[in-house]
Amino acid sequence: MMLSQLIEFTLIVGIGSTIALDLWALLLDKFAGFPGTHWGMVGRWLLGIPHGNLVLDTDNETPASMEEWTIGWIFHYLVGLAYAAMLPLFWGIGYIAAPTVFPVFMIGVVVSSLAGLMILMPGLGGGLFARKTPNPALMIAYVIVAHSVFALAQFLLALGVSGN
């Protein structure tokens, strides 16, 4: 029973909160002209890692292939699932029945923002904490706000799963 609860929680919270993040990115792009993550380039970066390319070649202007887009999007949703699974795995299976804000803040905002700024951003050529981007402060703010939306969705979905 506990395993099925964990799987259900992870699927609903992980996929749902990642969709919320994607919808936020679409709204920001449409109304503010601030494009979200280019998942095709993420796929290209991931495919290069086994070949020793830890940082994406930003001089390569070849459009992303379908394989790269697919890898990037799958990675994006697997990460969302992993973050959802961390909540009951780190704070106990009882978290599913009684979700609280602190774990969601820690995973959904702190851990995911730091991962984006310290792993994904450098991997995509933007440097540690976006220091190689045109406006690092804006990029950091974007990441934190986007992951706050993600965390809010995690919490609301966790409440929905719990029945509270």
N, C-alpha and C. Protein backbone atom coordinates (compact mmCIF):
# COMPACT_ATOMS: atom_id res chain seq x y z
N MET A 1 0.82 -1.20 0.00
CA MET A 1 0.00 0.00 0.00
C MET A 1 0.87 1.26 0.00
N MET A 2 1.93 1.28 0.81
CA MET A 2 2.77 2.47 0.87
C MET A 2 3.48 2.74 -0.46
N LEU A 3 3.91 1.67 -1.14
CA LEU A 3 4.58 1.85 -2.42
C LEU A 3 3.63 2.45 -3.45
N SER A 4 2.40 1.97 -3.47
CA SER A 4 1.43 2.51 -4.43
C SER A 4 1.11 3.98 -4.11
N GLN A 5 1.07 4.33 -2.81
CA GLN A 5 0.85 5.73 -2.43
C GLN A 5 2.03 6.60 -2.89
N LEU A 6 3.22 6.10 -2.71
CA LEU A 6 4.42 6.84 -3.12
C LEU A 6 4.42 7.05 -4.64
N ILE A 7 4.07 6.01 -5.38
CA ILE A 7 4.04 6.11 -6.84
C ILE A 7 2.97 7.11 -7.28
N GLU A 8 1.77 6.99 -6.71
CA GLU A 8 0.68 7.91 -7.06
C GLU A 8 1.06 9.35 -6.74
N PHE A 9 1.58 9.57 -5.55
CA PHE A 9 2.00 10.91 -5.12
C PHE A 9 3.06 11.45 -6.07
N THR A 10 4.07 10.66 -6.36
CA THR A 10 5.17 11.10 -7.22
C THR A 10 4.67 11.45 -8.61
N LEU A 11 3.82 10.62 -9.18
CA LEU A 11 3.30 10.89 -10.53
C LEU A 11 2.46 12.16 -10.57
N ILE A 12 1.52 12.28 -9.63
CA ILE A 12 0.63 13.44 -9.65
C ILE A 12 1.38 14.72 -9.34
N VAL A 13 2.15 14.72 -8.27
CA VAL A 13 2.87 15.93 -7.87
C VAL A 13 4.00 16.25 -8.85
N GLY A 14 4.74 15.22 -9.28
CA GLY A 14 5.86 15.45 -10.18
C GLY A 14 5.44 15.95 -11.54
N ILE A 15 4.49 15.27 -12.16
CA ILE A 15 4.05 15.67 -13.50
C ILE A 15 3.24 16.97 -13.42
N GLY A 16 2.34 17.05 -12.44
CA GLY A 16 1.50 18.24 -12.33
C GLY A 16 2.29 19.51 -12.08
N SER A 17 3.26 19.46 -11.18
CA SER A 17 4.04 20.66 -10.88
C SER A 17 4.97 21.03 -12.03
N THR A 18 5.43 20.05 -12.78
CA THR A 18 6.26 20.34 -13.94
C THR A 18 5.41 20.97 -15.04
N ILE A 19 4.18 20.51 -15.19
CA ILE A 19 3.26 21.16 -16.15
C ILE A 19 3.01 22.61 -15.73
N ALA A 20 2.81 22.83 -14.43
CA ALA A 20 2.61 24.21 -13.94
C ALA A 20 3.81 25.08 -14.27
N LEU A 21 5.00 24.56 -14.09
CA LEU A 21 6.22 25.30 -14.43
C LEU A 21 6.26 25.62 -15.92
N ASP A 22 5.89 24.65 -16.74
CA ASP A 22 5.87 24.87 -18.19
C ASP A 22 4.83 25.91 -18.60
N LEU A 23 3.67 25.88 -17.96
CA LEU A 23 2.63 26.87 -18.26
C LEU A 23 3.09 28.27 -17.85
N TRP A 24 3.76 28.36 -16.70
CA TRP A 24 4.33 29.63 -16.26
C TRP A 24 5.32 30.16 -17.31
N ALA A 25 6.18 29.28 -17.79
CA ALA A 25 7.18 29.68 -18.79
C ALA A 25 6.49 30.15 -20.07
N LEU A 26 5.43 29.47 -20.49
CA LEU A 26 4.69 29.89 -21.69
C LEU A 26 4.06 31.27 -21.49
N LEU A 27 3.46 31.50 -20.33
CA LEU A 27 2.86 32.80 -20.05
C LEU A 27 3.91 33.91 -20.03
N LEU A 28 5.04 33.63 -19.42
CA LEU A 28 6.11 34.62 -19.36
C LEU A 28 6.65 34.94 -20.75
N ASP A 29 6.76 33.92 -21.58
CA ASP A 29 7.23 34.13 -22.94
C ASP A 29 6.21 34.96 -23.73
N LYS A 30 4.94 34.58 -23.62
CA LYS A 30 3.88 35.25 -24.38
C LYS A 30 3.69 36.71 -23.97
N PHE A 31 3.69 36.98 -22.67
CA PHE A 31 3.35 38.32 -22.20
C PHE A 31 4.56 39.19 -21.86
N ALA A 32 5.72 38.59 -21.63
CA ALA A 32 6.90 39.39 -21.29
C ALA A 32 8.05 39.17 -22.27
N GLY A 33 7.88 38.24 -23.20
CA GLY A 33 8.93 37.96 -24.17
C GLY A 33 10.17 37.34 -23.56
N PHE A 34 9.99 36.67 -22.41
CA PHE A 34 11.11 36.03 -21.72
C PHE A 34 11.03 34.53 -21.97
N PRO A 35 11.82 34.03 -22.91
CA PRO A 35 11.71 32.60 -23.27
C PRO A 35 12.19 31.69 -22.13
N GLY A 36 11.54 30.56 -22.02
CA GLY A 36 11.92 29.57 -21.02
C GLY A 36 13.10 28.74 -21.49
N THR A 37 13.32 27.66 -20.80
CA THR A 37 14.43 26.76 -21.12
C THR A 37 14.24 26.13 -22.49
N HIS A 38 15.29 26.06 -23.26
CA HIS A 38 15.29 25.43 -24.58
C HIS A 38 15.61 23.96 -24.37
N TRP A 39 14.57 23.14 -24.29
CA TRP A 39 14.76 21.73 -23.94
C TRP A 39 15.51 20.94 -25.01
N GLY A 40 15.49 21.41 -26.24
CA GLY A 40 16.30 20.77 -27.28
C GLY A 40 17.79 20.92 -27.00
N MET A 41 18.18 22.09 -26.52
CA MET A 41 19.58 22.32 -26.18
C MET A 41 19.97 21.53 -24.93
N VAL A 42 19.03 21.37 -24.01
CA VAL A 42 19.29 20.53 -22.84
C VAL A 42 19.56 19.10 -23.30
N GLY A 43 18.76 18.62 -24.23
CA GLY A 43 18.98 17.28 -24.79
C GLY A 43 20.33 17.17 -25.46
N ARG A 44 20.72 18.20 -26.21
CA ARG A 44 22.04 18.20 -26.87
C ARG A 44 23.14 18.14 -25.82
N TRP A 45 23.00 18.94 -24.76
CA TRP A 45 23.98 18.94 -23.68
C TRP A 45 24.07 17.55 -23.04
N LEU A 46 22.92 16.97 -22.71
CA LEU A 46 22.92 15.65 -22.07
C LEU A 46 23.56 14.59 -22.96
N LEU A 47 23.27 14.64 -24.26
CA LEU A 47 23.85 13.66 -25.18
C LEU A 47 25.37 13.85 -25.32
N GLY A 48 25.85 15.06 -25.06
CA GLY A 48 27.29 15.31 -25.16
C GLY A 48 28.08 14.88 -23.94
N ILE A 49 27.42 14.78 -22.79
CA ILE A 49 28.13 14.45 -21.55
C ILE A 49 28.89 13.13 -21.63
N PRO A 50 28.29 12.04 -22.14
CA PRO A 50 29.06 10.78 -22.21
C PRO A 50 30.30 10.87 -23.11
N HIS A 51 30.35 11.88 -23.96
CA HIS A 51 31.50 12.07 -24.86
C HIS A 51 32.49 13.08 -24.29
N GLY A 52 32.32 13.42 -23.01
CA GLY A 52 33.24 14.32 -22.35
C GLY A 52 32.92 15.80 -22.51
N ASN A 53 31.79 16.11 -23.14
CA ASN A 53 31.40 17.51 -23.34
C ASN A 53 30.49 17.94 -22.18
N LEU A 54 31.10 18.41 -21.11
CA LEU A 54 30.35 18.78 -19.92
C LEU A 54 29.64 20.13 -20.05
N VAL A 55 30.09 20.93 -21.02
CA VAL A 55 29.48 22.23 -21.29
C VAL A 55 29.04 22.25 -22.75
N LEU A 56 27.82 22.68 -22.98
CA LEU A 56 27.27 22.76 -24.33
C LEU A 56 28.10 23.71 -25.19
N ASP A 57 28.35 23.30 -26.42
CA ASP A 57 29.05 24.16 -27.38
C ASP A 57 28.06 25.22 -27.87
N THR A 58 28.12 26.42 -27.29
CA THR A 58 27.16 27.46 -27.65
C THR A 58 27.43 28.07 -29.03
N ASP A 59 28.55 27.71 -29.65
CA ASP A 59 28.82 28.17 -31.01
C ASP A 59 28.09 27.32 -32.05
N ASN A 60 27.62 26.15 -31.65
CA ASN A 60 26.90 25.26 -32.55
C ASN A 60 25.47 25.79 -32.71
N GLU A 61 25.18 26.38 -33.85
CA GLU A 61 23.87 26.97 -34.09
C GLU A 61 22.94 26.04 -34.85
N THR A 62 23.32 24.77 -34.99
CA THR A 62 22.46 23.79 -35.65
C THR A 62 21.16 23.66 -34.87
N PRO A 63 20.01 23.71 -35.54
CA PRO A 63 18.75 23.53 -34.81
C PRO A 63 18.72 22.17 -34.10
N ALA A 64 18.06 22.15 -32.95
CA ALA A 64 17.96 20.90 -32.19
C ALA A 64 17.20 19.86 -32.98
N SER A 65 17.66 18.63 -32.89
CA SER A 65 17.00 17.52 -33.57
C SER A 65 15.82 17.03 -32.73
N MET A 66 14.99 16.22 -33.32
CA MET A 66 13.86 15.64 -32.59
C MET A 66 14.37 14.80 -31.42
N GLU A 67 15.47 14.08 -31.63
CA GLU A 67 16.06 13.29 -30.54
C GLU A 67 16.47 14.19 -29.38
N GLU A 68 17.10 15.31 -29.69
CA GLU A 68 17.54 16.23 -28.65
C GLU A 68 16.35 16.83 -27.89
N TRP A 69 15.32 17.22 -28.64
CA TRP A 69 14.11 17.73 -27.99
C TRP A 69 13.49 16.67 -27.09
N THR A 70 13.40 15.47 -27.59
CA THR A 70 12.78 14.38 -26.82
C THR A 70 13.57 14.10 -25.54
N ILE A 71 14.88 14.00 -25.66
CA ILE A 71 15.74 13.76 -24.49
C ILE A 71 15.59 14.90 -23.48
N GLY A 72 15.59 16.13 -23.96
CA GLY A 72 15.46 17.29 -23.08
C GLY A 72 14.14 17.30 -22.32
N TRP A 73 13.04 17.05 -23.02
CA TRP A 73 11.73 17.04 -22.36
C TRP A 73 11.59 15.86 -21.40
N ILE A 74 12.07 14.70 -21.77
CA ILE A 74 12.01 13.54 -20.86
C ILE A 74 12.82 13.84 -19.60
N PHE A 75 14.00 14.40 -19.77
CA PHE A 75 14.84 14.77 -18.63
C PHE A 75 14.10 15.74 -17.72
N HIS A 76 13.49 16.76 -18.30
CA HIS A 76 12.75 17.78 -17.56
C HIS A 76 11.67 17.13 -16.67
N TYR A 77 10.91 16.22 -17.23
CA TYR A 77 9.84 15.58 -16.46
C TYR A 77 10.38 14.55 -15.47
N LEU A 78 11.46 13.88 -15.78
CA LEU A 78 12.08 12.96 -14.81
C LEU A 78 12.61 13.72 -13.60
N VAL A 79 13.16 14.90 -13.83
CA VAL A 79 13.63 15.72 -12.71
C VAL A 79 12.44 16.15 -11.85
N GLY A 80 11.34 16.55 -12.48
CA GLY A 80 10.14 16.90 -11.73
C GLY A 80 9.63 15.73 -10.89
N LEU A 81 9.68 14.53 -11.46
CA LEU A 81 9.29 13.33 -10.71
C LEU A 81 10.25 13.07 -9.54
N ALA A 82 11.53 13.27 -9.77
CA ALA A 82 12.51 13.06 -8.70
C ALA A 82 12.29 14.03 -7.55
N TYR A 83 12.02 15.30 -7.88
CA TYR A 83 11.76 16.27 -6.82
C TYR A 83 10.51 15.91 -6.03
N ALA A 84 9.49 15.42 -6.70
CA ALA A 84 8.27 15.00 -6.00
C ALA A 84 8.55 13.81 -5.09
N ALA A 85 9.32 12.86 -5.57
CA ALA A 85 9.64 11.67 -4.78
C ALA A 85 10.47 12.02 -3.55
N MET A 86 11.29 13.08 -3.65
CA MET A 86 12.13 13.48 -2.52
C MET A 86 11.29 13.88 -1.30
N LEU A 87 10.12 14.43 -1.53
CA LEU A 87 9.31 14.92 -0.41
C LEU A 87 8.98 13.80 0.58
N PRO A 88 8.31 12.72 0.18
CA PRO A 88 8.05 11.65 1.16
C PRO A 88 9.29 10.81 1.48
N LEU A 89 10.24 10.75 0.58
CA LEU A 89 11.45 9.97 0.86
C LEU A 89 12.32 10.64 1.92
N PHE A 90 12.41 11.96 1.89
CA PHE A 90 13.23 12.68 2.86
C PHE A 90 12.47 13.03 4.13
N TRP A 91 11.18 13.31 4.02
CA TRP A 91 10.39 13.73 5.19
C TRP A 91 9.46 12.63 5.70
N GLY A 92 9.56 11.46 5.14
CA GLY A 92 8.77 10.32 5.61
C GLY A 92 7.49 10.14 4.82
N ILE A 93 7.05 8.90 4.76
CA ILE A 93 5.87 8.54 3.98
C ILE A 93 4.62 9.25 4.52
N GLY A 94 4.65 9.65 5.78
CA GLY A 94 3.53 10.40 6.35
C GLY A 94 3.32 11.75 5.69
N TYR A 95 4.34 12.23 4.98
CA TYR A 95 4.20 13.50 4.27
C TYR A 95 3.06 13.44 3.25
N ILE A 96 2.83 12.28 2.69
CA ILE A 96 1.77 12.13 1.69
C ILE A 96 0.40 12.45 2.29
N ALA A 97 0.17 12.02 3.52
CA ALA A 97 -1.12 12.25 4.17
C ALA A 97 -1.22 13.65 4.78
N ALA A 98 -0.09 14.26 5.12
CA ALA A 98 -0.11 15.56 5.79
C ALA A 98 1.02 16.45 5.28
N PRO A 99 0.90 16.93 4.03
CA PRO A 99 1.97 17.76 3.47
C PRO A 99 2.09 19.10 4.19
N THR A 100 3.32 19.57 4.32
CA THR A 100 3.60 20.87 4.91
C THR A 100 4.43 21.70 3.94
N VAL A 101 4.54 22.98 4.23
CA VAL A 101 5.19 23.91 3.30
C VAL A 101 6.72 23.80 3.31
N PHE A 102 7.33 23.63 4.47
CA PHE A 102 8.80 23.67 4.54
C PHE A 102 9.48 22.69 3.58
N PRO A 103 9.08 21.41 3.53
CA PRO A 103 9.75 20.50 2.59
C PRO A 103 9.60 20.94 1.13
N VAL A 104 8.42 21.45 0.79
CA VAL A 104 8.20 21.91 -0.58
C VAL A 104 9.09 23.12 -0.88
N PHE A 105 9.22 24.01 0.09
CA PHE A 105 10.10 25.16 -0.10
C PHE A 105 11.54 24.68 -0.30
N MET A 106 11.99 23.75 0.53
CA MET A 106 13.37 23.27 0.44
C MET A 106 13.64 22.57 -0.90
N ILE A 107 12.75 21.68 -1.31
CA ILE A 107 12.97 20.94 -2.56
C ILE A 107 12.56 21.78 -3.78
N GLY A 108 11.35 22.33 -3.73
CA GLY A 108 10.79 23.01 -4.90
C GLY A 108 11.42 24.34 -5.22
N VAL A 109 11.90 25.05 -4.21
CA VAL A 109 12.53 26.36 -4.45
C VAL A 109 14.04 26.26 -4.30
N VAL A 110 14.52 25.87 -3.13
CA VAL A 110 15.95 25.91 -2.84
C VAL A 110 16.74 24.91 -3.69
N VAL A 111 16.42 23.62 -3.56
CA VAL A 111 17.20 22.60 -4.27
C VAL A 111 17.07 22.75 -5.78
N SER A 112 15.84 22.94 -6.27
CA SER A 112 15.67 23.02 -7.72
C SER A 112 16.31 24.29 -8.30
N SER A 113 16.23 25.41 -7.58
CA SER A 113 16.87 26.63 -8.08
C SER A 113 18.39 26.49 -8.09
N LEU A 114 18.93 25.95 -7.01
CA LEU A 114 20.38 25.74 -6.96
C LEU A 114 20.84 24.77 -8.04
N ALA A 115 20.07 23.71 -8.27
CA ALA A 115 20.44 22.76 -9.34
C ALA A 115 20.43 23.45 -10.69
N GLY A 116 19.42 24.28 -10.92
CA GLY A 116 19.35 25.00 -12.18
C GLY A 116 20.52 25.96 -12.36
N LEU A 117 20.86 26.66 -11.30
CA LEU A 117 21.90 27.68 -11.38
C LEU A 117 23.32 27.13 -11.27
N MET A 118 23.46 25.94 -10.67
CA MET A 118 24.80 25.39 -10.45
C MET A 118 25.13 24.18 -11.33
N ILE A 119 24.12 23.59 -11.97
CA ILE A 119 24.36 22.43 -12.83
C ILE A 119 23.88 22.72 -14.26
N LEU A 120 22.57 23.00 -14.39
CA LEU A 120 22.00 23.19 -15.73
C LEU A 120 22.56 24.44 -16.41
N MET A 121 22.54 25.56 -15.72
CA MET A 121 23.01 26.82 -16.33
C MET A 121 24.47 26.71 -16.78
N PRO A 122 25.40 26.24 -15.93
CA PRO A 122 26.77 26.08 -16.41
C PRO A 122 26.87 25.07 -17.55
N GLY A 123 26.10 23.99 -17.47
CA GLY A 123 26.14 22.99 -18.52
C GLY A 123 25.70 23.53 -19.87
N LEU A 124 24.79 24.49 -19.84
CA LEU A 124 24.30 25.09 -21.08
C LEU A 124 25.15 26.28 -21.52
N GLY A 125 26.24 26.54 -20.79
CA GLY A 125 27.16 27.59 -21.19
C GLY A 125 26.90 28.93 -20.54
N GLY A 126 25.93 28.99 -19.62
CA GLY A 126 25.59 30.25 -18.97
C GLY A 126 26.43 30.57 -17.76
N GLY A 127 27.30 29.66 -17.37
CA GLY A 127 28.16 29.88 -16.21
C GLY A 127 27.48 29.64 -14.89
N LEU A 128 28.28 29.51 -13.86
CA LEU A 128 27.79 29.31 -12.51
C LEU A 128 26.96 30.53 -12.09
N PHE A 129 25.76 30.28 -11.61
CA PHE A 129 24.83 31.35 -11.23
C PHE A 129 24.62 32.35 -12.36
N ALA A 130 24.60 31.84 -13.58
CA ALA A 130 24.27 32.63 -14.78
C ALA A 130 25.23 33.78 -15.05
N ARG A 131 26.45 33.69 -14.53
CA ARG A 131 27.38 34.82 -14.65
C ARG A 131 27.80 35.12 -16.09
N LYS A 132 27.61 34.18 -17.01
CA LYS A 132 27.97 34.41 -18.41
C LYS A 132 26.78 34.85 -19.25
N THR A 133 25.63 35.04 -18.61
CA THR A 133 24.45 35.50 -19.35
C THR A 133 24.46 37.03 -19.40
N PRO A 134 23.69 37.63 -20.30
CA PRO A 134 23.68 39.10 -20.41
C PRO A 134 23.24 39.81 -19.13
N ASN A 135 22.34 39.18 -18.35
CA ASN A 135 21.86 39.81 -17.13
C ASN A 135 21.72 38.74 -16.03
N PRO A 136 22.82 38.43 -15.34
CA PRO A 136 22.78 37.35 -14.34
C PRO A 136 21.73 37.56 -13.25
N ALA A 137 21.56 38.78 -12.78
CA ALA A 137 20.57 39.03 -11.71
C ALA A 137 19.16 38.72 -12.19
N LEU A 138 18.84 39.12 -13.41
CA LEU A 138 17.52 38.82 -13.97
C LEU A 138 17.32 37.32 -14.13
N MET A 139 18.36 36.63 -14.58
CA MET A 139 18.28 35.18 -14.77
C MET A 139 18.07 34.47 -13.43
N ILE A 140 18.79 34.90 -12.40
CA ILE A 140 18.63 34.30 -11.08
C ILE A 140 17.22 34.56 -10.56
N ALA A 141 16.73 35.77 -10.73
CA ALA A 141 15.36 36.09 -10.30
C ALA A 141 14.35 35.23 -11.06
N TYR A 142 14.55 35.08 -12.37
CA TYR A 142 13.66 34.24 -13.19
C TYR A 142 13.63 32.81 -12.65
N VAL A 143 14.79 32.25 -12.37
CA VAL A 143 14.88 30.87 -11.88
C VAL A 143 14.16 30.73 -10.54
N ILE A 144 14.39 31.67 -9.63
CA ILE A 144 13.77 31.58 -8.31
C ILE A 144 12.25 31.73 -8.39
N VAL A 145 11.78 32.69 -9.19
CA VAL A 145 10.32 32.87 -9.33
C VAL A 145 9.70 31.65 -10.00
N ALA A 146 10.31 31.15 -11.06
CA ALA A 146 9.77 29.98 -11.76
C ALA A 146 9.71 28.78 -10.82
N HIS A 147 10.75 28.58 -10.02
CA HIS A 147 10.74 27.44 -9.12
C HIS A 147 9.83 27.67 -7.92
N SER A 148 9.51 28.91 -7.62
CA SER A 148 8.50 29.19 -6.60
C SER A 148 7.12 28.78 -7.11
N VAL A 149 6.86 29.04 -8.39
CA VAL A 149 5.62 28.59 -9.01
C VAL A 149 5.57 27.06 -8.98
N PHE A 150 6.68 26.43 -9.31
CA PHE A 150 6.79 24.97 -9.27
C PHE A 150 6.48 24.45 -7.87
N ALA A 151 7.07 25.08 -6.84
CA ALA A 151 6.87 24.65 -5.46
C ALA A 151 5.43 24.85 -5.01
N LEU A 152 4.83 25.96 -5.40
CA LEU A 152 3.42 26.19 -5.06
C LEU A 152 2.55 25.09 -5.66
N ALA A 153 2.82 24.74 -6.91
CA ALA A 153 2.07 23.66 -7.54
C ALA A 153 2.33 22.33 -6.83
N GLN A 154 3.58 22.08 -6.44
CA GLN A 154 3.87 20.86 -5.67
C GLN A 154 3.01 20.80 -4.42
N PHE A 155 2.95 21.90 -3.69
CA PHE A 155 2.21 21.92 -2.42
C PHE A 155 0.72 21.73 -2.65
N LEU A 156 0.16 22.46 -3.61
CA LEU A 156 -1.28 22.34 -3.87
C LEU A 156 -1.64 20.94 -4.36
N LEU A 157 -0.81 20.37 -5.19
CA LEU A 157 -1.06 19.00 -5.65
C LEU A 157 -0.89 17.99 -4.52
N ALA A 158 0.11 18.20 -3.66
CA ALA A 158 0.30 17.32 -2.51
C ALA A 158 -0.92 17.39 -1.60
N LEU A 159 -1.46 18.60 -1.39
CA LEU A 159 -2.69 18.72 -0.60
C LEU A 159 -3.85 17.97 -1.26
N GLY A 160 -3.93 18.07 -2.57
CA GLY A 160 -4.97 17.35 -3.29
C GLY A 160 -4.85 15.85 -3.15
N VAL A 161 -3.64 15.35 -3.24
CA VAL A 161 -3.42 13.91 -3.07
C VAL A 161 -3.76 13.47 -1.65
N SER A 162 -3.44 14.32 -0.67
CA SER A 162 -3.68 13.97 0.74
C SER A 162 -5.16 14.01 1.11
N GLY A 163 -5.94 14.74 0.32
CA GLY A 163 -7.35 14.89 0.64
C GLY A 163 -7.61 16.04 1.59
N ASN A 164 -6.59 16.79 1.96
CA ASN A 164 -6.77 17.94 2.88
C ASN A 164 -7.23 19.17 2.14
